[in-house]
Amino acid sequence: MAAEAGQCANEQGKFWPYHDRLFANQQRLTVPDLKQHAVEVGLDAARFDACVDSHKYASVVEADIKMGNDAGVNGTPAFFINGRMISGAQPFEAFKRIIDEELAKK
């Protein structure tokens, strides 16, 4: 639901403020919480609530999840460098190693 709510916030041009609020309050992600966060970042509550309640973006979120699953992603963060996946939080050296290997192929 948080992903759907993020799309609803995006309709009002406030995706990033809403995103940041959710990340700062990860223990408060129930639907009532999502709606309260929207009010607190200055969204039009009636418009936001109608969007969330209708599940307007459910198919978009489901398609994103399917695409991630199809690519082998099973958690966040996940990164791809020339088709090579780096899964989970990794140190700079992990990225550097793969980038250097890919550059060496050229």
Protein backbone atom coordinates (compact mmCIF):
# COMPACT_ATOMS: atom_id res chain seq x y z
CA MET A 1 0.00 0.00 0.00
CA ALA A 2 2.89 2.37 0.61
CA ALA A 3 3.96 2.04 -3.02
CA GLU A 4 0.42 2.75 -4.20
CA ALA A 5 0.22 5.72 -1.85
CA GLY A 6 3.50 7.04 -3.24
CA GLN A 7 1.97 7.07 -6.71
CA CYS A 8 -1.05 8.92 -5.34
CA ALA A 9 1.28 11.52 -3.79
CA ASN A 10 3.04 11.81 -7.14
CA GLU A 11 -0.27 12.85 -8.74
CA GLN A 12 -0.05 15.98 -6.58
CA GLY A 13 3.63 16.59 -7.29
CA LYS A 14 4.81 15.56 -3.83
CA PHE A 15 6.30 12.11 -4.35
CA TRP A 16 9.68 12.91 -2.77
CA PRO A 17 8.41 14.71 0.34
CA TYR A 18 5.95 11.83 0.85
CA HIS A 19 8.64 9.22 0.18
CA ASP A 20 10.96 10.85 2.70
CA ARG A 21 8.20 10.95 5.32
CA LEU A 22 7.46 7.24 4.88
CA PHE A 23 11.12 6.30 5.18
CA ALA A 24 11.38 8.36 8.36
CA ASN A 25 8.33 6.57 9.79
CA GLN A 26 8.69 2.97 8.64
CA GLN A 27 6.79 1.61 11.64
CA ARG A 28 3.74 3.66 10.64
CA LEU A 29 2.60 2.31 7.27
CA THR A 30 -1.00 1.23 7.83
CA VAL A 31 -3.56 2.82 5.53
CA PRO A 32 -4.64 5.33 8.22
CA ASP A 33 -0.97 6.17 8.77
CA LEU A 34 -0.39 6.62 5.03
CA LYS A 35 -3.32 9.03 4.91
CA GLN A 36 -2.05 10.97 7.94
CA HIS A 37 1.40 11.29 6.38
CA ALA A 38 -0.26 12.73 3.27
CA VAL A 39 -1.92 15.44 5.33
CA GLU A 40 1.35 16.20 7.07
CA VAL A 41 3.19 16.78 3.77
CA GLY A 42 0.41 19.06 2.52
CA LEU A 43 -1.46 16.84 0.08
CA ASP A 44 -5.13 17.37 -0.72
CA ALA A 45 -6.48 14.75 1.69
CA ALA A 46 -9.77 14.07 -0.07
CA ARG A 47 -8.05 13.55 -3.42
CA PHE A 48 -5.30 11.42 -1.88
CA ASP A 49 -7.73 9.27 0.12
CA ALA A 50 -9.89 8.63 -2.95
CA CYS A 51 -6.81 7.58 -4.90
CA VAL A 52 -5.59 5.21 -2.16
CA ASP A 53 -9.04 3.77 -1.45
CA SER A 54 -9.64 3.01 -5.14
CA HIS A 55 -6.30 1.17 -5.48
CA LYS A 56 -5.79 3.21 -8.64
CA TYR A 57 -2.12 2.21 -8.91
CA ALA A 58 -2.34 -1.42 -7.75
CA SER A 59 -1.69 -2.77 -11.24
CA VAL A 60 1.33 -0.47 -11.67
CA VAL A 61 2.83 -1.67 -8.38
CA GLU A 62 2.07 -5.32 -9.21
CA ALA A 63 3.77 -4.92 -12.62
CA ASP A 64 6.86 -3.42 -10.93
CA ILE A 65 7.01 -6.31 -8.46
CA LYS A 66 6.65 -8.85 -11.27
CA MET A 67 9.41 -7.16 -13.28
CA GLY A 68 11.71 -7.24 -10.26
CA ASN A 69 10.92 -10.87 -9.56
CA ASP A 70 11.52 -11.77 -13.21
CA ALA A 71 14.94 -10.09 -13.00
CA GLY A 72 15.84 -12.06 -9.85
CA VAL A 73 15.33 -9.23 -7.38
CA ASN A 74 14.08 -10.50 -4.03
CA GLY A 75 14.85 -7.51 -1.82
CA THR A 76 16.11 -3.97 -1.70
CA PRO A 77 18.33 -2.44 -2.57
CA ALA A 78 19.19 -4.15 -5.83
CA PHE A 79 21.44 -2.69 -8.52
CA PHE A 80 22.29 -3.78 -12.05
CA ILE A 81 25.55 -3.00 -13.80
CA ASN A 82 25.54 -4.22 -17.40
CA GLY A 83 23.01 -6.86 -16.40
CA ARG A 84 24.94 -8.01 -13.34
CA MET A 85 22.93 -7.76 -10.15
CA ILE A 86 24.32 -6.52 -6.87
CA SER A 87 21.88 -7.44 -4.11
CA GLY A 88 21.61 -5.77 -0.73
CA ALA A 89 23.61 -2.98 0.81
CA GLN A 90 27.16 -3.38 -0.45
CA PRO A 91 30.37 -1.46 0.12
CA PHE A 92 31.82 0.80 -2.55
CA GLU A 93 34.44 -1.85 -3.34
CA ALA A 94 31.78 -4.30 -4.55
CA PHE A 95 30.54 -1.78 -7.10
CA LYS A 96 34.06 -0.80 -8.10
CA ARG A 97 35.07 -4.41 -8.69
CA ILE A 98 32.15 -5.08 -11.03
CA ILE A 99 32.54 -1.78 -12.85
CA ASP A 100 36.25 -2.41 -13.33
CA GLU A 101 35.53 -5.92 -14.63
CA GLU A 102 32.96 -4.58 -17.05
CA LEU A 103 35.28 -1.85 -18.26
CA ALA A 104 38.05 -4.40 -18.79
CA LYS A 105 35.80 -6.30 -21.21
CA LYS A 106 35.72 -3.33 -23.61
